[in-house]
Amino acid sequence: MDKYHIPKYLDAPFKVVLWTWDELVGFFVPFLTCFWLLNSPVSGVVLGCCFVAGLKKIKGEEGHYFIAHLAYWHLPPLVKYKATPSSCFREILG
């Protein structure tokens, strides 16, 4: 067994079985919502698959980290970075 995992590409995103983490969450949120609230797992699977297909289309056209960049610029600061300024500072003097 190999002790280290070397990815095929340097910027390859982390995958859980076949999906990246955001696609996995994008499937399970509609699925679990429909399963618990509406008691309809079939419609949850359909909605989850449609959401994942739309997410893959967006990521295929714009890139893997497009949604993370969109969240950084348009949502309040959820994560504090050490070297990256907050997105509310649009112009940096220096």
C-alpha atoms as a PDB file:
ATOM      1  CA  MET A   1       0.000   0.000   0.000  1.00  0.00           C
ATOM      2  CA  ASP A   2       1.113   3.509  -0.750  1.00  0.00           C
ATOM      3  CA  LYS A   3       1.605   5.731   2.231  1.00  0.00           C
ATOM      4  CA  TYR A   4       0.859   8.946   0.323  1.00  0.00           C
ATOM      5  CA  HIS A   5      -1.868   9.861  -2.121  1.00  0.00           C
ATOM      6  CA  ILE A   6      -0.641  11.846  -5.103  1.00  0.00           C
ATOM      7  CA  PRO A   7      -3.508  13.463  -7.044  1.00  0.00           C
ATOM      8  CA  LYS A   8      -3.506  13.171 -10.807  1.00  0.00           C
ATOM      9  CA  TYR A   9      -3.925  16.937 -11.157  1.00  0.00           C
ATOM     10  CA  LEU A  10      -2.665  19.529  -8.706  1.00  0.00           C
ATOM     11  CA  ASP A  11      -5.953  21.425  -8.450  1.00  0.00           C
ATOM     12  CA  ALA A  12      -8.225  18.359  -8.403  1.00  0.00           C
ATOM     13  CA  PRO A  13     -11.039  18.877  -5.863  1.00  0.00           C
ATOM     14  CA  PHE A  14     -11.634  16.400  -3.035  1.00  0.00           C
ATOM     15  CA  LYS A  15     -14.229  13.797  -4.016  1.00  0.00           C
ATOM     16  CA  VAL A  16     -16.536  11.613  -1.972  1.00  0.00           C
ATOM     17  CA  VAL A  17     -17.161   8.517  -4.125  1.00  0.00           C
ATOM     18  CA  LEU A  18     -18.220  10.232  -7.395  1.00  0.00           C
ATOM     19  CA  TRP A  19     -19.150  13.743  -6.286  1.00  0.00           C
ATOM     20  CA  THR A  20     -17.308  16.705  -4.842  1.00  0.00           C
ATOM     21  CA  TRP A  21     -18.407  17.881  -1.392  1.00  0.00           C
ATOM     22  CA  ASP A  22     -20.628  20.683  -2.754  1.00  0.00           C
ATOM     23  CA  GLU A  23     -22.387  18.300  -5.148  1.00  0.00           C
ATOM     24  CA  LEU A  24     -22.905  15.829  -2.300  1.00  0.00           C
ATOM     25  CA  VAL A  25     -24.450  18.527  -0.102  1.00  0.00           C
ATOM     26  CA  GLY A  26     -26.467  19.753  -3.091  1.00  0.00           C
ATOM     27  CA  PHE A  27     -27.973  16.305  -3.450  1.00  0.00           C
ATOM     28  CA  PHE A  28     -28.634  15.533   0.205  1.00  0.00           C
ATOM     29  CA  VAL A  29     -30.262  18.828   1.215  1.00  0.00           C
ATOM     30  CA  PRO A  30     -33.236  18.515  -1.210  1.00  0.00           C
ATOM     31  CA  PHE A  31     -33.397  14.757  -0.664  1.00  0.00           C
ATOM     32  CA  LEU A  32     -33.536  14.952   3.121  1.00  0.00           C
ATOM     33  CA  THR A  33     -35.909  17.930   3.039  1.00  0.00           C
ATOM     34  CA  CYS A  34     -38.393  16.087   0.830  1.00  0.00           C
ATOM     35  CA  PHE A  35     -37.903  12.866   2.765  1.00  0.00           C
ATOM     36  CA  TRP A  36     -38.619  14.364   6.186  1.00  0.00           C
ATOM     37  CA  LEU A  37     -41.058  17.172   5.423  1.00  0.00           C
ATOM     38  CA  LEU A  38     -43.046  15.754   2.516  1.00  0.00           C
ATOM     39  CA  ASN A  39     -42.452  12.036   3.180  1.00  0.00           C
ATOM     40  CA  SER A  40     -41.560  11.618  -0.493  1.00  0.00           C
ATOM     41  CA  PRO A  41     -38.068  10.207  -1.071  1.00  0.00           C
ATOM     42  CA  VAL A  42     -38.609   9.772  -4.828  1.00  0.00           C
ATOM     43  CA  SER A  43     -39.247  13.471  -5.378  1.00  0.00           C
ATOM     44  CA  GLY A  44     -36.231  14.197  -3.159  1.00  0.00           C
ATOM     45  CA  VAL A  45     -34.015  12.066  -5.391  1.00  0.00           C
ATOM     46  CA  VAL A  46     -35.359  13.797  -8.499  1.00  0.00           C
ATOM     47  CA  LEU A  47     -34.873  17.291  -7.034  1.00  0.00           C
ATOM     48  CA  GLY A  48     -31.417  16.381  -5.738  1.00  0.00           C
ATOM     49  CA  CYS A  49     -30.330  15.006  -9.121  1.00  0.00           C
ATOM     50  CA  CYS A  50     -31.661  18.099 -10.908  1.00  0.00           C
ATOM     51  CA  PHE A  51     -29.812  20.369  -8.481  1.00  0.00           C
ATOM     52  CA  VAL A  52     -26.561  18.421  -8.924  1.00  0.00           C
ATOM     53  CA  ALA A  53     -26.938  18.518 -12.725  1.00  0.00           C
ATOM     54  CA  GLY A  54     -27.407  22.303 -12.602  1.00  0.00           C
ATOM     55  CA  LEU A  55     -24.460  22.660 -10.243  1.00  0.00           C
ATOM     56  CA  LYS A  56     -22.235  20.586 -12.541  1.00  0.00           C
ATOM     57  CA  LYS A  57     -23.294  22.727 -15.495  1.00  0.00           C
ATOM     58  CA  ILE A  58     -22.368  25.936 -13.636  1.00  0.00           C
ATOM     59  CA  LYS A  59     -19.065  24.464 -12.480  1.00  0.00           C
ATOM     60  CA  GLY A  60     -18.297  23.170 -15.985  1.00  0.00           C
ATOM     61  CA  GLU A  61     -18.753  26.597 -17.554  1.00  0.00           C
ATOM     62  CA  GLU A  62     -17.244  28.778 -14.826  1.00  0.00           C
ATOM     63  CA  GLY A  63     -14.792  26.525 -12.965  1.00  0.00           C
ATOM     64  CA  HIS A  64     -14.749  24.424  -9.802  1.00  0.00           C
ATOM     65  CA  TYR A  65     -14.428  27.287  -7.336  1.00  0.00           C
ATOM     66  CA  PHE A  66     -16.923  29.674  -8.956  1.00  0.00           C
ATOM     67  CA  ILE A  67     -19.524  29.234  -6.217  1.00  0.00           C
ATOM     68  CA  ALA A  68     -16.937  29.770  -3.465  1.00  0.00           C
ATOM     69  CA  HIS A  69     -15.781  32.979  -5.170  1.00  0.00           C
ATOM     70  CA  LEU A  70     -19.388  34.110  -5.620  1.00  0.00           C
ATOM     71  CA  ALA A  71     -20.061  33.500  -1.919  1.00  0.00           C
ATOM     72  CA  TYR A  72     -16.895  35.431  -0.958  1.00  0.00           C
ATOM     73  CA  TRP A  73     -17.898  38.526  -2.925  1.00  0.00           C
ATOM     74  CA  HIS A  74     -21.643  38.641  -2.285  1.00  0.00           C
ATOM     75  CA  LEU A  75     -22.258  37.127   1.166  1.00  0.00           C
ATOM     76  CA  PRO A  76     -21.209  38.479   4.560  1.00  0.00           C
ATOM     77  CA  PRO A  77     -17.786  37.262   5.687  1.00  0.00           C
ATOM     78  CA  LEU A  78     -18.393  33.732   6.946  1.00  0.00           C
ATOM     79  CA  VAL A  79     -14.726  32.752   7.140  1.00  0.00           C
ATOM     80  CA  LYS A  80     -11.923  35.020   8.341  1.00  0.00           C
ATOM     81  CA  TYR A  81      -8.746  34.686   6.284  1.00  0.00           C
ATOM     82  CA  LYS A  82      -5.317  35.708   7.550  1.00  0.00           C
ATOM     83  CA  ALA A  83      -3.882  37.084   4.296  1.00  0.00           C
ATOM     84  CA  THR A  84      -7.045  37.864   2.331  1.00  0.00           C
ATOM     85  CA  PRO A  85      -8.926  41.047   3.189  1.00  0.00           C
ATOM     86  CA  SER A  86     -12.666  41.049   3.700  1.00  0.00           C
ATOM     87  CA  SER A  87     -14.720  41.437   0.529  1.00  0.00           C
ATOM     88  CA  CYS A  88     -16.307  44.638   1.821  1.00  0.00           C
ATOM     89  CA  PHE A  89     -13.001  46.464   1.140  1.00  0.00           C
ATOM     90  CA  ARG A  90     -13.250  47.020  -2.597  1.00  0.00           C
ATOM     91  CA  GLU A  91     -10.201  49.266  -2.918  1.00  0.00           C
ATOM     92  CA  ILE A  92      -6.957  48.629  -1.067  1.00  0.00           C
ATOM     93  CA  LEU A  93      -4.467  51.433  -0.698  1.00  0.00           C
ATOM     94  CA  GLY A  94      -0.872  50.424  -0.678  1.00  0.00           C
END
